[in-house]
Amino acid sequence: MPRPKEFNPDDAIEKAMQVFWHKGYEATSMEDLLSAMDLNRGSLYDTFGDKRQLFLKVMDRYCTNFVGLKFSLLNQPGPAIPALRRFIHGMIESSLGDPQRRGCLIANTVMELAPHENEIAGTLRQALKMAEDTFFQVLARAKQQGELMENKDPRALARFLTTMLQGTIVMIKSGASADAVKQTVETALSILDSADMFRPSIERSFDT
């Protein structure tokens, strides 16, 4: 009969996530992980596999518990656009308030690994699609409730907000000032109020 584990696997994955988030995948060594998780090499391999397998488990945890739970907060009754603005402002303030400016683990991993790691890239696409779909549901509700103009496309807006949020968090990680970040966010969010998603001149440039 196998001996019961003398550690909590969920706690160990959380500790590994903090290391990967801070250092990135390539810069994280097995020694870093063993030290942070307080495990010996045999326990780590027996429970989680190698470094790559552990990272996949970390990404699954991050996407499900961090992204999934945070975005689920948007699926509440009531005015949709104010809730969406509060949510995005909260995400940005949280990133700005991180002393290490680690950014978003998804965005960090997209830049580091997605071009040559198909399995990891697939996990990242699913996470970004989850974010986009949640934004879409909120924006579709906003349109039904008369908060969004009829000429607005909820799917296009959802895709735009997902891209904007990831890009802005990359700005924060790169050391941009809080004022520059907040100005960028407010400019982007103004699309929810403007009369047209695209100026006619830009629309014409797409047609040529």
N, C-alpha and C. Protein backbone atom coordinates (compact mmCIF):
# COMPACT_ATOMS: atom_id res chain seq x y z
N MET A 1 0.85 -1.19 0.00
CA MET A 1 0.00 0.00 0.00
C MET A 1 0.89 1.24 0.00
N PRO A 2 0.65 2.19 -0.94
CA PRO A 2 1.52 3.37 -1.00
C PRO A 2 1.38 4.24 0.23
N ARG A 3 2.50 4.84 0.63
CA ARG A 3 2.47 5.74 1.78
C ARG A 3 1.74 7.02 1.41
N PRO A 4 0.95 7.58 2.35
CA PRO A 4 0.29 8.86 2.06
C PRO A 4 1.33 9.96 1.88
N LYS A 5 0.99 10.91 1.02
CA LYS A 5 1.92 12.03 0.79
C LYS A 5 2.03 12.86 2.06
N GLU A 6 3.24 13.32 2.34
CA GLU A 6 3.48 14.11 3.53
C GLU A 6 3.46 15.61 3.22
N PHE A 7 2.87 15.97 2.09
CA PHE A 7 2.74 17.38 1.72
C PHE A 7 1.44 17.55 0.96
N ASN A 8 0.99 18.79 0.86
CA ASN A 8 -0.24 19.10 0.14
C ASN A 8 0.10 19.45 -1.30
N PRO A 9 -0.31 18.62 -2.27
CA PRO A 9 0.04 18.90 -3.67
C PRO A 9 -0.45 20.26 -4.16
N ASP A 10 -1.64 20.69 -3.69
CA ASP A 10 -2.15 21.99 -4.12
C ASP A 10 -1.25 23.12 -3.63
N ASP A 11 -0.80 23.02 -2.38
CA ASP A 11 0.12 24.03 -1.86
C ASP A 11 1.43 24.03 -2.63
N ALA A 12 1.90 22.84 -2.98
CA ALA A 12 3.16 22.73 -3.72
C ALA A 12 3.04 23.37 -5.10
N ILE A 13 1.92 23.15 -5.78
CA ILE A 13 1.72 23.76 -7.09
C ILE A 13 1.65 25.28 -6.97
N GLU A 14 1.00 25.76 -5.92
CA GLU A 14 0.93 27.21 -5.69
C GLU A 14 2.32 27.80 -5.53
N LYS A 15 3.18 27.12 -4.78
CA LYS A 15 4.55 27.60 -4.58
C LYS A 15 5.33 27.57 -5.89
N ALA A 16 5.13 26.51 -6.67
CA ALA A 16 5.80 26.44 -7.98
C ALA A 16 5.32 27.56 -8.89
N MET A 17 4.03 27.87 -8.84
CA MET A 17 3.48 28.93 -9.67
C MET A 17 4.15 30.26 -9.37
N GLN A 18 4.38 30.54 -8.09
CA GLN A 18 5.02 31.80 -7.72
C GLN A 18 6.44 31.89 -8.29
N VAL A 19 7.14 30.76 -8.32
CA VAL A 19 8.51 30.76 -8.86
C VAL A 19 8.48 31.00 -10.37
N PHE A 20 7.65 30.24 -11.08
CA PHE A 20 7.56 30.41 -12.54
C PHE A 20 7.10 31.83 -12.89
N TRP A 21 6.17 32.35 -12.13
CA TRP A 21 5.63 33.69 -12.39
C TRP A 21 6.72 34.75 -12.22
N HIS A 22 7.55 34.56 -11.23
CA HIS A 22 8.61 35.54 -10.94
C HIS A 22 9.78 35.42 -11.92
N LYS A 23 10.19 34.19 -12.23
CA LYS A 23 11.43 33.99 -12.99
C LYS A 23 11.21 33.63 -14.45
N GLY A 24 10.02 33.14 -14.80
CA GLY A 24 9.82 32.62 -16.15
C GLY A 24 10.19 31.15 -16.21
N TYR A 25 9.76 30.49 -17.27
CA TYR A 25 9.98 29.04 -17.37
C TYR A 25 11.46 28.70 -17.53
N GLU A 26 12.10 29.29 -18.52
CA GLU A 26 13.48 28.91 -18.83
C GLU A 26 14.44 29.23 -17.69
N ALA A 27 14.22 30.35 -17.01
CA ALA A 27 15.15 30.77 -15.95
C ALA A 27 14.92 30.03 -14.64
N THR A 28 13.83 29.29 -14.54
CA THR A 28 13.54 28.54 -13.32
C THR A 28 14.25 27.19 -13.38
N SER A 29 15.07 26.91 -12.39
CA SER A 29 15.78 25.63 -12.33
C SER A 29 15.02 24.65 -11.44
N MET A 30 15.37 23.39 -11.56
CA MET A 30 14.77 22.39 -10.67
C MET A 30 15.14 22.69 -9.22
N GLU A 31 16.33 23.22 -9.00
CA GLU A 31 16.74 23.57 -7.64
C GLU A 31 15.84 24.68 -7.08
N ASP A 32 15.49 25.65 -7.93
CA ASP A 32 14.56 26.71 -7.50
C ASP A 32 13.23 26.10 -7.05
N LEU A 33 12.74 25.17 -7.84
CA LEU A 33 11.44 24.55 -7.55
C LEU A 33 11.50 23.69 -6.29
N LEU A 34 12.55 22.88 -6.18
CA LEU A 34 12.68 22.02 -5.00
C LEU A 34 12.76 22.85 -3.73
N SER A 35 13.48 23.96 -3.79
CA SER A 35 13.62 24.82 -2.62
C SER A 35 12.29 25.48 -2.25
N ALA A 36 11.61 26.03 -3.25
CA ALA A 36 10.35 26.74 -2.99
C ALA A 36 9.26 25.78 -2.53
N MET A 37 9.22 24.59 -3.13
CA MET A 37 8.17 23.63 -2.81
C MET A 37 8.50 22.79 -1.58
N ASP A 38 9.75 22.90 -1.12
CA ASP A 38 10.22 22.15 0.06
C ASP A 38 10.03 20.65 -0.15
N LEU A 39 10.47 20.18 -1.32
CA LEU A 39 10.35 18.76 -1.66
C LEU A 39 11.72 18.22 -2.05
N ASN A 40 11.86 16.91 -1.94
CA ASN A 40 13.05 16.29 -2.51
C ASN A 40 12.75 15.93 -3.97
N ARG A 41 13.78 15.63 -4.71
CA ARG A 41 13.62 15.41 -6.15
C ARG A 41 12.68 14.24 -6.44
N GLY A 42 12.78 13.18 -5.65
CA GLY A 42 11.93 12.01 -5.88
C GLY A 42 10.46 12.33 -5.69
N SER A 43 10.13 13.09 -4.64
CA SER A 43 8.72 13.44 -4.39
C SER A 43 8.17 14.31 -5.51
N LEU A 44 9.00 15.24 -5.99
CA LEU A 44 8.53 16.12 -7.07
C LEU A 44 8.24 15.31 -8.33
N TYR A 45 9.18 14.47 -8.73
CA TYR A 45 9.00 13.69 -9.96
C TYR A 45 7.86 12.69 -9.83
N ASP A 46 7.74 12.05 -8.66
CA ASP A 46 6.69 11.06 -8.47
C ASP A 46 5.30 11.69 -8.53
N THR A 47 5.18 12.92 -8.05
CA THR A 47 3.87 13.56 -7.96
C THR A 47 3.53 14.40 -9.18
N PHE A 48 4.51 15.13 -9.69
CA PHE A 48 4.23 16.12 -10.74
C PHE A 48 4.91 15.83 -12.07
N GLY A 49 5.85 14.91 -12.11
CA GLY A 49 6.60 14.67 -13.33
C GLY A 49 7.78 15.62 -13.43
N ASP A 50 8.23 15.85 -14.66
CA ASP A 50 9.39 16.72 -14.85
C ASP A 50 8.98 18.19 -14.82
N LYS A 51 9.93 19.05 -15.09
CA LYS A 51 9.68 20.50 -15.02
C LYS A 51 8.57 20.92 -15.97
N ARG A 52 8.57 20.40 -17.18
CA ARG A 52 7.56 20.78 -18.16
C ARG A 52 6.17 20.33 -17.73
N GLN A 53 6.07 19.10 -17.22
CA GLN A 53 4.78 18.59 -16.75
C GLN A 53 4.27 19.40 -15.56
N LEU A 54 5.19 19.77 -14.68
CA LEU A 54 4.82 20.61 -13.54
C LEU A 54 4.31 21.96 -14.03
N PHE A 55 4.98 22.52 -15.02
CA PHE A 55 4.57 23.83 -15.53
C PHE A 55 3.17 23.76 -16.14
N LEU A 56 2.87 22.68 -16.85
CA LEU A 56 1.53 22.52 -17.41
C LEU A 56 0.47 22.48 -16.30
N LYS A 57 0.80 21.82 -15.20
CA LYS A 57 -0.13 21.79 -14.06
C LYS A 57 -0.27 23.18 -13.45
N VAL A 58 0.83 23.92 -13.39
CA VAL A 58 0.79 25.29 -12.87
C VAL A 58 -0.11 26.16 -13.76
N MET A 59 0.06 26.04 -15.08
CA MET A 59 -0.74 26.85 -15.99
C MET A 59 -2.22 26.49 -15.88
N ASP A 60 -2.50 25.21 -15.71
CA ASP A 60 -3.89 24.80 -15.55
C ASP A 60 -4.48 25.41 -14.28
N ARG A 61 -3.70 25.41 -13.20
CA ARG A 61 -4.14 26.02 -11.94
C ARG A 61 -4.37 27.52 -12.12
N TYR A 62 -3.42 28.19 -12.76
CA TYR A 62 -3.53 29.64 -12.95
C TYR A 62 -4.75 29.98 -13.80
N CYS A 63 -4.94 29.25 -14.89
CA CYS A 63 -6.05 29.55 -15.79
C CYS A 63 -7.40 29.27 -15.14
N THR A 64 -7.48 28.20 -14.36
CA THR A 64 -8.74 27.83 -13.75
C THR A 64 -9.05 28.66 -12.51
N ASN A 65 -8.11 28.71 -11.59
CA ASN A 65 -8.37 29.35 -10.29
C ASN A 65 -8.18 30.85 -10.32
N PHE A 66 -7.22 31.33 -11.10
CA PHE A 66 -6.96 32.77 -11.12
C PHE A 66 -7.81 33.46 -12.18
N VAL A 67 -7.63 33.05 -13.43
CA VAL A 67 -8.38 33.68 -14.51
C VAL A 67 -9.87 33.35 -14.41
N GLY A 68 -10.18 32.06 -14.27
CA GLY A 68 -11.58 31.65 -14.23
C GLY A 68 -12.35 32.29 -13.10
N LEU A 69 -11.80 32.26 -11.89
CA LEU A 69 -12.51 32.82 -10.74
C LEU A 69 -12.64 34.33 -10.84
N LYS A 70 -11.57 35.00 -11.27
CA LYS A 70 -11.64 36.46 -11.39
C LYS A 70 -12.70 36.88 -12.40
N PHE A 71 -12.68 36.24 -13.57
CA PHE A 71 -13.62 36.64 -14.62
C PHE A 71 -15.05 36.24 -14.28
N SER A 72 -15.22 35.23 -13.44
CA SER A 72 -16.58 34.83 -13.05
C SER A 72 -17.27 35.93 -12.26
N LEU A 73 -16.50 36.84 -11.68
CA LEU A 73 -17.09 37.95 -10.92
C LEU A 73 -17.91 38.87 -11.82
N LEU A 74 -17.64 38.82 -13.12
CA LEU A 74 -18.39 39.67 -14.05
C LEU A 74 -19.79 39.15 -14.32
N ASN A 75 -20.02 37.88 -14.06
CA ASN A 75 -21.31 37.27 -14.37
C ASN A 75 -22.31 37.50 -13.23
N GLN A 76 -22.55 38.76 -12.94
CA GLN A 76 -23.47 39.14 -11.89
C GLN A 76 -24.58 40.01 -12.49
N PRO A 77 -25.78 39.95 -11.92
CA PRO A 77 -26.85 40.81 -12.44
C PRO A 77 -26.56 42.28 -12.16
N GLY A 78 -27.24 43.14 -12.91
CA GLY A 78 -27.07 44.58 -12.71
C GLY A 78 -26.43 45.24 -13.91
N PRO A 79 -26.18 46.55 -13.83
CA PRO A 79 -25.55 47.27 -14.95
C PRO A 79 -24.23 46.62 -15.34
N ALA A 80 -24.07 46.39 -16.64
CA ALA A 80 -22.92 45.61 -17.11
C ALA A 80 -21.68 46.48 -17.37
N ILE A 81 -21.85 47.62 -18.00
CA ILE A 81 -20.69 48.43 -18.38
C ILE A 81 -19.95 48.97 -17.15
N PRO A 82 -20.64 49.51 -16.13
CA PRO A 82 -19.90 49.92 -14.93
C PRO A 82 -19.15 48.77 -14.28
N ALA A 83 -19.76 47.58 -14.27
CA ALA A 83 -19.08 46.41 -13.69
C ALA A 83 -17.84 46.05 -14.50
N LEU A 84 -17.95 46.16 -15.81
CA LEU A 84 -16.81 45.86 -16.69
C LEU A 84 -15.68 46.85 -16.46
N ARG A 85 -16.02 48.12 -16.33
CA ARG A 85 -15.00 49.14 -16.06
C ARG A 85 -14.32 48.88 -14.71
N ARG A 86 -15.12 48.59 -13.68
CA ARG A 86 -14.54 48.33 -12.36
C ARG A 86 -13.61 47.12 -12.41
N PHE A 87 -14.02 46.11 -13.14
CA PHE A 87 -13.21 44.89 -13.24
C PHE A 87 -11.86 45.19 -13.88
N ILE A 88 -11.87 45.89 -15.01
CA ILE A 88 -10.62 46.19 -15.71
C ILE A 88 -9.74 47.12 -14.87
N HIS A 89 -10.35 48.13 -14.26
CA HIS A 89 -9.58 49.01 -13.37
C HIS A 89 -8.95 48.21 -12.23
N GLY A 90 -9.71 47.27 -11.68
CA GLY A 90 -9.19 46.45 -10.59
C GLY A 90 -8.01 45.60 -11.02
N MET A 91 -8.11 45.01 -12.22
CA MET A 91 -7.00 44.20 -12.73
C MET A 91 -5.75 45.05 -12.92
N ILE A 92 -5.93 46.25 -13.45
CA ILE A 92 -4.78 47.13 -13.69
C ILE A 92 -4.18 47.60 -12.37
N GLU A 93 -5.03 47.99 -11.42
CA GLU A 93 -4.53 48.45 -10.13
C GLU A 93 -3.78 47.33 -9.41
N SER A 94 -4.28 46.10 -9.54
CA SER A 94 -3.60 44.96 -8.93
C SER A 94 -2.21 44.76 -9.52
N SER A 95 -2.10 44.89 -10.83
CA SER A 95 -0.80 44.73 -11.49
C SER A 95 0.14 45.87 -11.12
N LEU A 96 -0.39 47.10 -11.07
CA LEU A 96 0.44 48.24 -10.70
C LEU A 96 0.90 48.13 -9.24
N GLY A 97 0.08 47.50 -8.41
CA GLY A 97 0.41 47.38 -6.99
C GLY A 97 1.36 46.25 -6.66
N ASP A 98 1.70 45.43 -7.64
CA ASP A 98 2.63 44.32 -7.42
C ASP A 98 4.05 44.88 -7.39
N PRO A 99 4.74 44.82 -6.25
CA PRO A 99 6.10 45.40 -6.17
C PRO A 99 7.06 44.79 -7.18
N GLN A 100 6.84 43.53 -7.54
CA GLN A 100 7.74 42.85 -8.48
C GLN A 100 7.33 43.06 -9.93
N ARG A 101 6.15 43.63 -10.14
CA ARG A 101 5.63 43.85 -11.50
C ARG A 101 5.81 42.59 -12.35
N ARG A 102 5.27 41.49 -11.85
CA ARG A 102 5.43 40.22 -12.55
C ARG A 102 4.59 40.13 -13.81
N GLY A 103 3.59 41.00 -13.93
CA GLY A 103 2.72 40.94 -15.10
C GLY A 103 1.72 39.80 -14.97
N CYS A 104 1.28 39.30 -16.11
CA CYS A 104 0.31 38.20 -16.18
C CYS A 104 1.06 36.94 -16.61
N LEU A 105 0.87 35.86 -15.90
CA LEU A 105 1.58 34.62 -16.23
C LEU A 105 1.23 34.15 -17.64
N ILE A 106 0.00 34.39 -18.07
CA ILE A 106 -0.39 33.99 -19.42
C ILE A 106 0.38 34.80 -20.45
N ALA A 107 0.36 36.14 -20.30
CA ALA A 107 1.08 36.99 -21.26
C ALA A 107 2.57 36.70 -21.25
N ASN A 108 3.13 36.51 -20.05
CA ASN A 108 4.56 36.19 -19.96
C ASN A 108 4.89 34.92 -20.72
N THR A 109 4.03 33.92 -20.56
CA THR A 109 4.29 32.62 -21.18
C THR A 109 4.06 32.66 -22.68
N VAL A 110 3.08 33.44 -23.12
CA VAL A 110 2.86 33.61 -24.56
C VAL A 110 4.15 34.09 -25.22
N MET A 111 4.76 35.11 -24.63
CA MET A 111 5.96 35.69 -25.23
C MET A 111 7.16 34.74 -25.14
N GLU A 112 7.23 33.97 -24.06
CA GLU A 112 8.40 33.12 -23.86
C GLU A 112 8.31 31.78 -24.58
N LEU A 113 7.14 31.14 -24.52
CA LEU A 113 7.07 29.74 -24.94
C LEU A 113 6.12 29.44 -26.10
N ALA A 114 5.08 30.25 -26.28
CA ALA A 114 4.03 29.89 -27.25
C ALA A 114 4.56 29.62 -28.66
N PRO A 115 5.58 30.37 -29.14
CA PRO A 115 6.02 30.13 -30.53
C PRO A 115 6.56 28.72 -30.78
N HIS A 116 7.06 28.03 -29.74
CA HIS A 116 7.66 26.72 -29.98
C HIS A 116 7.16 25.63 -29.04
N GLU A 117 6.07 25.90 -28.31
CA GLU A 117 5.50 24.89 -27.41
C GLU A 117 4.00 24.77 -27.71
N ASN A 118 3.66 23.85 -28.60
CA ASN A 118 2.28 23.76 -29.08
C ASN A 118 1.28 23.43 -27.97
N GLU A 119 1.65 22.51 -27.08
CA GLU A 119 0.71 22.12 -26.03
C GLU A 119 0.45 23.28 -25.08
N ILE A 120 1.51 23.97 -24.70
CA ILE A 120 1.36 25.13 -23.82
C ILE A 120 0.60 26.24 -24.54
N ALA A 121 0.89 26.44 -25.82
CA ALA A 121 0.18 27.46 -26.59
C ALA A 121 -1.32 27.17 -26.62
N GLY A 122 -1.68 25.89 -26.71
CA GLY A 122 -3.10 25.52 -26.71
C GLY A 122 -3.77 25.89 -25.40
N THR A 123 -3.08 25.64 -24.28
CA THR A 123 -3.61 26.02 -22.97
C THR A 123 -3.81 27.52 -22.88
N LEU A 124 -2.85 28.27 -23.41
CA LEU A 124 -2.93 29.73 -23.36
C LEU A 124 -4.08 30.24 -24.22
N ARG A 125 -4.27 29.65 -25.39
CA ARG A 125 -5.39 30.06 -26.24
C ARG A 125 -6.72 29.83 -25.55
N GLN A 126 -6.84 28.71 -24.84
CA GLN A 126 -8.07 28.42 -24.12
C GLN A 126 -8.33 29.46 -23.03
N ALA A 127 -7.27 29.86 -22.33
CA ALA A 127 -7.42 30.85 -21.26
C ALA A 127 -7.84 32.21 -21.83
N LEU A 128 -7.21 32.62 -22.93
CA LEU A 128 -7.57 33.89 -23.54
C LEU A 128 -8.98 33.84 -24.12
N LYS A 129 -9.37 32.68 -24.64
CA LYS A 129 -10.74 32.53 -25.15
C LYS A 129 -11.74 32.61 -24.01
N MET A 130 -11.38 32.06 -22.85
CA MET A 130 -12.24 32.15 -21.68
C MET A 130 -12.48 33.61 -21.30
N ALA A 131 -11.40 34.40 -21.31
CA ALA A 131 -11.51 35.82 -20.99
C ALA A 131 -12.38 36.53 -22.03
N GLU A 132 -12.11 36.25 -23.30
CA GLU A 132 -12.88 36.90 -24.37
C GLU A 132 -14.36 36.54 -24.28
N ASP A 133 -14.66 35.26 -24.03
CA ASP A 133 -16.05 34.83 -23.96
C ASP A 133 -16.78 35.49 -22.79
N THR A 134 -16.07 35.67 -21.67
CA THR A 134 -16.70 36.33 -20.52
C THR A 134 -16.98 37.79 -20.84
N PHE A 135 -16.02 38.47 -21.45
CA PHE A 135 -16.26 39.85 -21.87
C PHE A 135 -17.44 39.90 -22.84
N PHE A 136 -17.50 38.94 -23.76
CA PHE A 136 -18.59 38.92 -24.73
C PHE A 136 -19.95 38.80 -24.03
N GLN A 137 -20.04 37.90 -23.06
CA GLN A 137 -21.30 37.72 -22.35
C GLN A 137 -21.73 39.00 -21.64
N VAL A 138 -20.77 39.69 -21.04
CA VAL A 138 -21.08 40.94 -20.35
C VAL A 138 -21.52 42.00 -21.35
N LEU A 139 -20.83 42.10 -22.46
CA LEU A 139 -21.15 43.12 -23.46
C LEU A 139 -22.47 42.82 -24.16
N ALA A 140 -22.75 41.54 -24.39
CA ALA A 140 -24.04 41.17 -24.98
C ALA A 140 -25.18 41.54 -24.02
N ARG A 141 -24.95 41.31 -22.73
CA ARG A 141 -25.95 41.70 -21.74
C ARG A 141 -26.12 43.22 -21.70
N ALA A 142 -24.99 43.92 -21.82
CA ALA A 142 -25.05 45.39 -21.84
C ALA A 142 -25.89 45.88 -23.02
N LYS A 143 -25.72 45.24 -24.16
CA LYS A 143 -26.49 45.64 -25.34
C LYS A 143 -27.97 45.37 -25.14
N GLN A 144 -28.30 44.23 -24.56
CA GLN A 144 -29.70 43.89 -24.29
C GLN A 144 -30.32 44.87 -23.31
N GLN A 145 -29.50 45.37 -22.37
CA GLN A 145 -30.00 46.28 -21.34
C GLN A 145 -29.97 47.75 -21.79
N GLY A 146 -29.57 47.99 -23.03
CA GLY A 146 -29.56 49.34 -23.55
C GLY A 146 -28.36 50.17 -23.11
N GLU A 147 -27.31 49.51 -22.60
CA GLU A 147 -26.12 50.24 -22.16
C GLU A 147 -25.10 50.41 -23.27
N LEU A 148 -25.29 49.69 -24.36
CA LEU A 148 -24.33 49.70 -25.46
C LEU A 148 -25.08 50.07 -26.73
N MET A 149 -24.48 50.95 -27.52
CA MET A 149 -25.15 51.41 -28.73
C MET A 149 -25.35 50.25 -29.71
N GLU A 150 -26.38 50.37 -30.53
CA GLU A 150 -26.76 49.30 -31.44
C GLU A 150 -25.66 48.97 -32.45
N ASN A 151 -24.84 49.96 -32.80
CA ASN A 151 -23.80 49.71 -33.80
C ASN A 151 -22.56 49.03 -33.21
N LYS A 152 -22.60 48.71 -31.92
CA LYS A 152 -21.46 48.04 -31.29
C LYS A 152 -21.55 46.52 -31.49
N ASP A 153 -20.43 45.91 -31.77
CA ASP A 153 -20.35 44.46 -31.94
C ASP A 153 -19.74 43.87 -30.67
N PRO A 154 -20.54 43.18 -29.84
CA PRO A 154 -20.01 42.65 -28.57
C PRO A 154 -18.82 41.72 -28.74
N ARG A 155 -18.80 40.90 -29.79
CA ARG A 155 -17.68 39.98 -29.98
C ARG A 155 -16.40 40.74 -30.33
N ALA A 156 -16.51 41.72 -31.23
CA ALA A 156 -15.33 42.50 -31.60
C ALA A 156 -14.81 43.29 -30.39
N LEU A 157 -15.72 43.85 -29.61
CA LEU A 157 -15.32 44.58 -28.42
C LEU A 157 -14.66 43.65 -27.40
N ALA A 158 -15.21 42.45 -27.25
CA ALA A 158 -14.64 41.49 -26.29
C ALA A 158 -13.22 41.12 -26.69
N ARG A 159 -13.01 40.91 -27.98
CA ARG A 159 -11.67 40.58 -28.48
C ARG A 159 -10.71 41.75 -28.25
N PHE A 160 -11.21 42.96 -28.50
CA PHE A 160 -10.39 44.16 -28.30
C PHE A 160 -10.01 44.32 -26.83
N LEU A 161 -10.96 44.15 -25.92
CA LEU A 161 -10.68 44.34 -24.50
C LEU A 161 -9.71 43.28 -23.97
N THR A 162 -9.83 42.05 -24.47
CA THR A 162 -8.90 41.00 -24.07
C THR A 162 -7.48 41.35 -24.49
N THR A 163 -7.33 41.82 -25.73
CA THR A 163 -6.02 42.20 -26.24
C THR A 163 -5.48 43.42 -25.49
N MET A 164 -6.35 44.40 -25.26
CA MET A 164 -5.94 45.61 -24.55
C MET A 164 -5.46 45.29 -23.14
N LEU A 165 -6.20 44.43 -22.44
CA LEU A 165 -5.84 44.11 -21.06
C LEU A 165 -4.48 43.42 -21.01
N GLN A 166 -4.25 42.46 -21.89
CA GLN A 166 -2.97 41.77 -21.91
C GLN A 166 -1.83 42.74 -22.27
N GLY A 167 -2.07 43.57 -23.27
CA GLY A 167 -1.04 44.52 -23.68
C GLY A 167 -0.71 45.53 -22.60
N THR A 168 -1.73 45.97 -21.88
CA THR A 168 -1.49 46.95 -20.82
C THR A 168 -0.71 46.34 -19.67
N ILE A 169 -0.98 45.08 -19.36
CA ILE A 169 -0.23 44.42 -18.29
C ILE A 169 1.23 44.22 -18.71
N VAL A 170 1.46 43.99 -20.00
CA VAL A 170 2.84 43.94 -20.50
C VAL A 170 3.51 45.30 -20.32
N MET A 171 2.76 46.39 -20.58
CA MET A 171 3.29 47.74 -20.33
C MET A 171 3.76 47.88 -18.89
N ILE A 172 2.92 47.41 -17.97
CA ILE A 172 3.24 47.51 -16.54
C ILE A 172 4.51 46.73 -16.23
N LYS A 173 4.60 45.52 -16.76
CA LYS A 173 5.78 44.68 -16.52
C LYS A 173 7.05 45.34 -17.05
N SER A 174 6.91 46.08 -18.15
CA SER A 174 8.08 46.71 -18.76
C SER A 174 8.52 47.97 -18.03
N GLY A 175 7.72 48.41 -17.02
CA GLY A 175 8.12 49.56 -16.22
C GLY A 175 7.45 50.86 -16.57
N ALA A 176 6.38 50.82 -17.37
CA ALA A 176 5.66 52.05 -17.72
C ALA A 176 5.11 52.72 -16.47
N SER A 177 4.99 54.03 -16.50
CA SER A 177 4.48 54.76 -15.34
C SER A 177 3.00 54.49 -15.15
N ALA A 178 2.55 54.65 -13.91
CA ALA A 178 1.14 54.44 -13.61
C ALA A 178 0.27 55.40 -14.41
N ASP A 179 0.72 56.64 -14.57
CA ASP A 179 -0.06 57.62 -15.33
C ASP A 179 -0.22 57.18 -16.78
N ALA A 180 0.86 56.70 -17.38
CA ALA A 180 0.79 56.26 -18.78
C ALA A 180 -0.14 55.07 -18.92
N VAL A 181 -0.07 54.16 -17.97
CA VAL A 181 -0.92 52.97 -18.01
C VAL A 181 -2.39 53.36 -17.89
N LYS A 182 -2.70 54.21 -16.91
CA LYS A 182 -4.09 54.59 -16.69
C LYS A 182 -4.64 55.39 -17.86
N GLN A 183 -3.81 56.22 -18.46
CA GLN A 183 -4.26 56.97 -19.64
C GLN A 183 -4.57 56.03 -20.79
N THR A 184 -3.73 55.01 -20.96
CA THR A 184 -3.95 54.02 -22.00
C THR A 184 -5.27 53.29 -21.79
N VAL A 185 -5.52 52.89 -20.55
CA VAL A 185 -6.75 52.15 -20.23
C VAL A 185 -7.98 53.02 -20.48
N GLU A 186 -7.93 54.27 -20.03
CA GLU A 186 -9.09 55.15 -20.21
C GLU A 186 -9.34 55.41 -21.69
N THR A 187 -8.28 55.57 -22.46
CA THR A 187 -8.44 55.76 -23.91
C THR A 187 -9.09 54.54 -24.53
N ALA A 188 -8.64 53.36 -24.12
CA ALA A 188 -9.21 52.13 -24.66
C ALA A 188 -10.67 51.96 -24.26
N LEU A 189 -10.99 52.24 -23.01
CA LEU A 189 -12.36 52.05 -22.53
C LEU A 189 -13.33 53.06 -23.13
N SER A 190 -12.80 54.15 -23.67
CA SER A 190 -13.68 55.14 -24.29
C SER A 190 -14.41 54.56 -25.49
N ILE A 191 -13.93 53.45 -26.01
CA ILE A 191 -14.60 52.81 -27.14
C ILE A 191 -16.00 52.33 -26.76
N LEU A 192 -16.21 52.12 -25.48
CA LEU A 192 -17.53 51.68 -25.03
C LEU A 192 -18.55 52.81 -25.10
N ASP A 193 -18.06 54.05 -25.18
CA ASP A 193 -18.96 55.21 -25.20
C ASP A 193 -19.03 55.89 -26.55
N SER A 194 -18.01 55.71 -27.40
CA SER A 194 -17.94 56.47 -28.64
C SER A 194 -19.03 56.02 -29.61
N ALA A 195 -19.35 56.89 -30.55
CA ALA A 195 -20.45 56.62 -31.47
C ALA A 195 -20.12 55.53 -32.47
N ASP A 196 -18.86 55.39 -32.82
CA ASP A 196 -18.47 54.39 -33.81
C ASP A 196 -17.25 53.64 -33.32
N MET A 197 -17.23 52.33 -33.56
CA MET A 197 -16.08 51.54 -33.16
C MET A 197 -14.84 51.94 -33.95
N PHE A 198 -15.02 52.27 -35.24
CA PHE A 198 -13.90 52.66 -36.08
C PHE A 198 -14.27 53.93 -36.83
N ARG A 199 -13.33 54.82 -36.99
CA ARG A 199 -13.58 56.01 -37.79
C ARG A 199 -13.73 55.59 -39.25
N PRO A 200 -14.53 56.34 -40.04
CA PRO A 200 -14.72 55.99 -41.45
C PRO A 200 -13.41 55.88 -42.21
N SER A 201 -12.43 56.75 -41.91
CA SER A 201 -11.17 56.70 -42.64
C SER A 201 -10.45 55.38 -42.41
N ILE A 202 -10.56 54.85 -41.19
CA ILE A 202 -9.92 53.57 -40.89
C ILE A 202 -10.66 52.45 -41.59
N GLU A 203 -12.01 52.53 -41.60
CA GLU A 203 -12.79 51.52 -42.29
C GLU A 203 -12.41 51.48 -43.77
N ARG A 204 -12.23 52.66 -44.37
CA ARG A 204 -11.88 52.70 -45.78
C ARG A 204 -10.52 52.07 -46.02
N SER A 205 -9.58 52.29 -45.07
CA SER A 205 -8.24 51.73 -45.25
C SER A 205 -8.27 50.22 -45.22
N PHE A 206 -9.24 49.62 -44.49
CA PHE A 206 -9.36 48.17 -44.47
C PHE A 206 -9.91 47.64 -45.79
N ASP A 207 -10.70 48.47 -46.49
CA ASP A 207 -11.33 48.03 -47.73
C ASP A 207 -10.39 48.13 -48.93
N THR A 208 -9.33 48.90 -48.79
CA THR A 208 -8.44 49.11 -49.95
C THR A 208 -7.32 48.10 -49.96
